[in-house]
C-alpha atoms as a PDB file:
ATOM      1  CA  MET A   1       8.124  -6.331  20.044  1.00  0.00           C
ATOM      2  CA  ASP A   2       8.239  -8.221  16.754  1.00  0.00           C
ATOM      3  CA  MET A   3       9.919  -6.788  13.688  1.00  0.00           C
ATOM      4  CA  ASP A   4       7.605  -5.067  11.241  1.00  0.00           C
ATOM      5  CA  LYS A   5       6.696  -6.997   8.126  1.00  0.00           C
ATOM      6  CA  THR A   6       7.495  -5.436   4.766  1.00  0.00           C
ATOM      7  CA  VAL A   7       5.571  -6.538   1.686  1.00  0.00           C
ATOM      8  CA  LYS A   8       5.560  -5.374  -1.912  1.00  0.00           C
ATOM      9  CA  LEU A   9       2.320  -4.736  -3.776  1.00  0.00           C
ATOM     10  CA  ASP A  10       1.622  -4.242  -7.461  1.00  0.00           C
ATOM     11  CA  ILE A  11      -0.735  -1.267  -7.792  1.00  0.00           C
ATOM     12  CA  ILE A  12      -3.205  -1.405 -10.681  1.00  0.00           C
ATOM     13  CA  GLY A  13      -4.724   1.702 -12.213  1.00  0.00           C
ATOM     14  CA  MET A  14      -2.206   4.419 -11.289  1.00  0.00           C
ATOM     15  CA  THR A  15      -1.493   6.783 -14.184  1.00  0.00           C
ATOM     16  CA  CYS A  16      -0.154   9.979 -12.608  1.00  0.00           C
ATOM     17  CA  ASP A  17       1.484  11.430  -9.506  1.00  0.00           C
ATOM     18  CA  GLY A  18      -1.940  12.341  -8.122  1.00  0.00           C
ATOM     19  CA  CYS A  19      -2.854   8.646  -8.274  1.00  0.00           C
ATOM     20  CA  ARG A  20       0.370   7.767  -6.468  1.00  0.00           C
ATOM     21  CA  GLU A  21      -0.353  10.303  -3.732  1.00  0.00           C
ATOM     22  CA  THR A  22      -3.910   8.979  -3.294  1.00  0.00           C
ATOM     23  CA  VAL A  23      -2.714   5.385  -2.924  1.00  0.00           C
ATOM     24  CA  GLN A  24       0.165   6.324  -0.612  1.00  0.00           C
ATOM     25  CA  LYS A  25      -2.145   8.407   1.599  1.00  0.00           C
ATOM     26  CA  ALA A  26      -4.687   5.561   1.771  1.00  0.00           C
ATOM     27  CA  LEU A  27      -2.013   3.056   2.779  1.00  0.00           C
ATOM     28  CA  ASN A  28      -0.417   5.340   5.360  1.00  0.00           C
ATOM     29  CA  SER A  29      -3.859   6.083   6.837  1.00  0.00           C
ATOM     30  CA  SER A  30      -4.631   2.389   7.296  1.00  0.00           C
ATOM     31  CA  ASP A  31      -4.417   1.041  10.854  1.00  0.00           C
ATOM     32  CA  SER A  32      -2.661  -2.063   9.495  1.00  0.00           C
ATOM     33  CA  VAL A  33       0.176  -0.087   7.870  1.00  0.00           C
ATOM     34  CA  CYS A  34       3.156   1.390   9.699  1.00  0.00           C
ATOM     35  CA  HIS A  35       4.613   3.095   6.599  1.00  0.00           C
ATOM     36  CA  ALA A  36       4.127   2.890   2.838  1.00  0.00           C
ATOM     37  CA  LYS A  37       6.048   4.259  -0.123  1.00  0.00           C
ATOM     38  CA  VAL A  38       4.421   4.118  -3.554  1.00  0.00           C
ATOM     39  CA  ASN A  39       6.445   4.230  -6.776  1.00  0.00           C
ATOM     40  CA  LEU A  40       4.569   5.436  -9.866  1.00  0.00           C
ATOM     41  CA  ALA A  41       7.231   4.359 -12.376  1.00  0.00           C
ATOM     42  CA  SER A  42       7.218   0.717 -11.222  1.00  0.00           C
ATOM     43  CA  LYS A  43       3.548   0.823 -10.158  1.00  0.00           C
ATOM     44  CA  THR A  44       4.454  -0.776  -6.852  1.00  0.00           C
ATOM     45  CA  ALA A  45       4.161  -0.029  -3.173  1.00  0.00           C
ATOM     46  CA  GLU A  46       6.555  -1.057  -0.439  1.00  0.00           C
ATOM     47  CA  VAL A  47       4.419  -1.471   2.651  1.00  0.00           C
ATOM     48  CA  MET A  48       5.626  -1.941   6.222  1.00  0.00           C
ATOM     49  CA  LEU A  49       2.810  -3.637   8.101  1.00  0.00           C
ATOM     50  CA  GLU A  50       2.074  -3.188  11.782  1.00  0.00           C
ATOM     51  CA  ASP A  51       2.681  -6.300  13.903  1.00  0.00           C
ATOM     52  CA  ASP A  52      -1.008  -7.232  13.687  1.00  0.00           C
ATOM     53  CA  GLY A  53      -1.528  -5.945  10.138  1.00  0.00           C
ATOM     54  CA  THR A  54      -2.148  -8.208   7.170  1.00  0.00           C
ATOM     55  CA  ILE A  55      -1.462  -7.875   3.470  1.00  0.00           C
ATOM     56  CA  ASP A  56      -5.208  -8.256   2.836  1.00  0.00           C
ATOM     57  CA  GLN A  57      -5.877  -5.147   4.945  1.00  0.00           C
ATOM     58  CA  ALA A  58      -3.291  -3.193   2.946  1.00  0.00           C
ATOM     59  CA  ILE A  59      -4.829  -4.363  -0.343  1.00  0.00           C
ATOM     60  CA  GLN A  60      -8.276  -3.349   0.912  1.00  0.00           C
ATOM     61  CA  ALA A  61      -6.967   0.142   1.750  1.00  0.00           C
ATOM     62  CA  VAL A  62      -5.802   0.488  -1.864  1.00  0.00           C
ATOM     63  CA  LYS A  63      -9.161  -0.776  -3.171  1.00  0.00           C
ATOM     64  CA  ASP A  64     -10.992   1.679  -0.924  1.00  0.00           C
ATOM     65  CA  SER A  65      -9.003   4.501  -2.568  1.00  0.00           C
ATOM     66  CA  GLY A  66     -10.277   3.517  -6.021  1.00  0.00           C
ATOM     67  CA  TYR A  67      -7.373   1.406  -7.275  1.00  0.00           C
ATOM     68  CA  ASP A  68      -6.499  -2.275  -7.155  1.00  0.00           C
ATOM     69  CA  ALA A  69      -3.550  -4.133  -5.725  1.00  0.00           C
ATOM     70  CA  LYS A  70      -2.076  -7.606  -5.514  1.00  0.00           C
ATOM     71  CA  LYS A  71       0.943  -9.103  -3.836  1.00  0.00           C
ATOM     72  CA  ALA A  72       4.001  -8.573  -6.029  1.00  0.00           C
END
């Protein structure tokens, strides 16, 4: 089994802890994401992708939750 890939995303539009929870839940619910931790203060997410997951899938999960993201 290959090592998981960890990427960092800039999250756009988060203003409160509720926003952070929404984004983190969306990422962790995505089939492409193994684990995600979202930081409100830095407005970033550290995302561990599944072996077949892509950064574009993780970004789309954030967009689907009502926020935007780009590779940090």
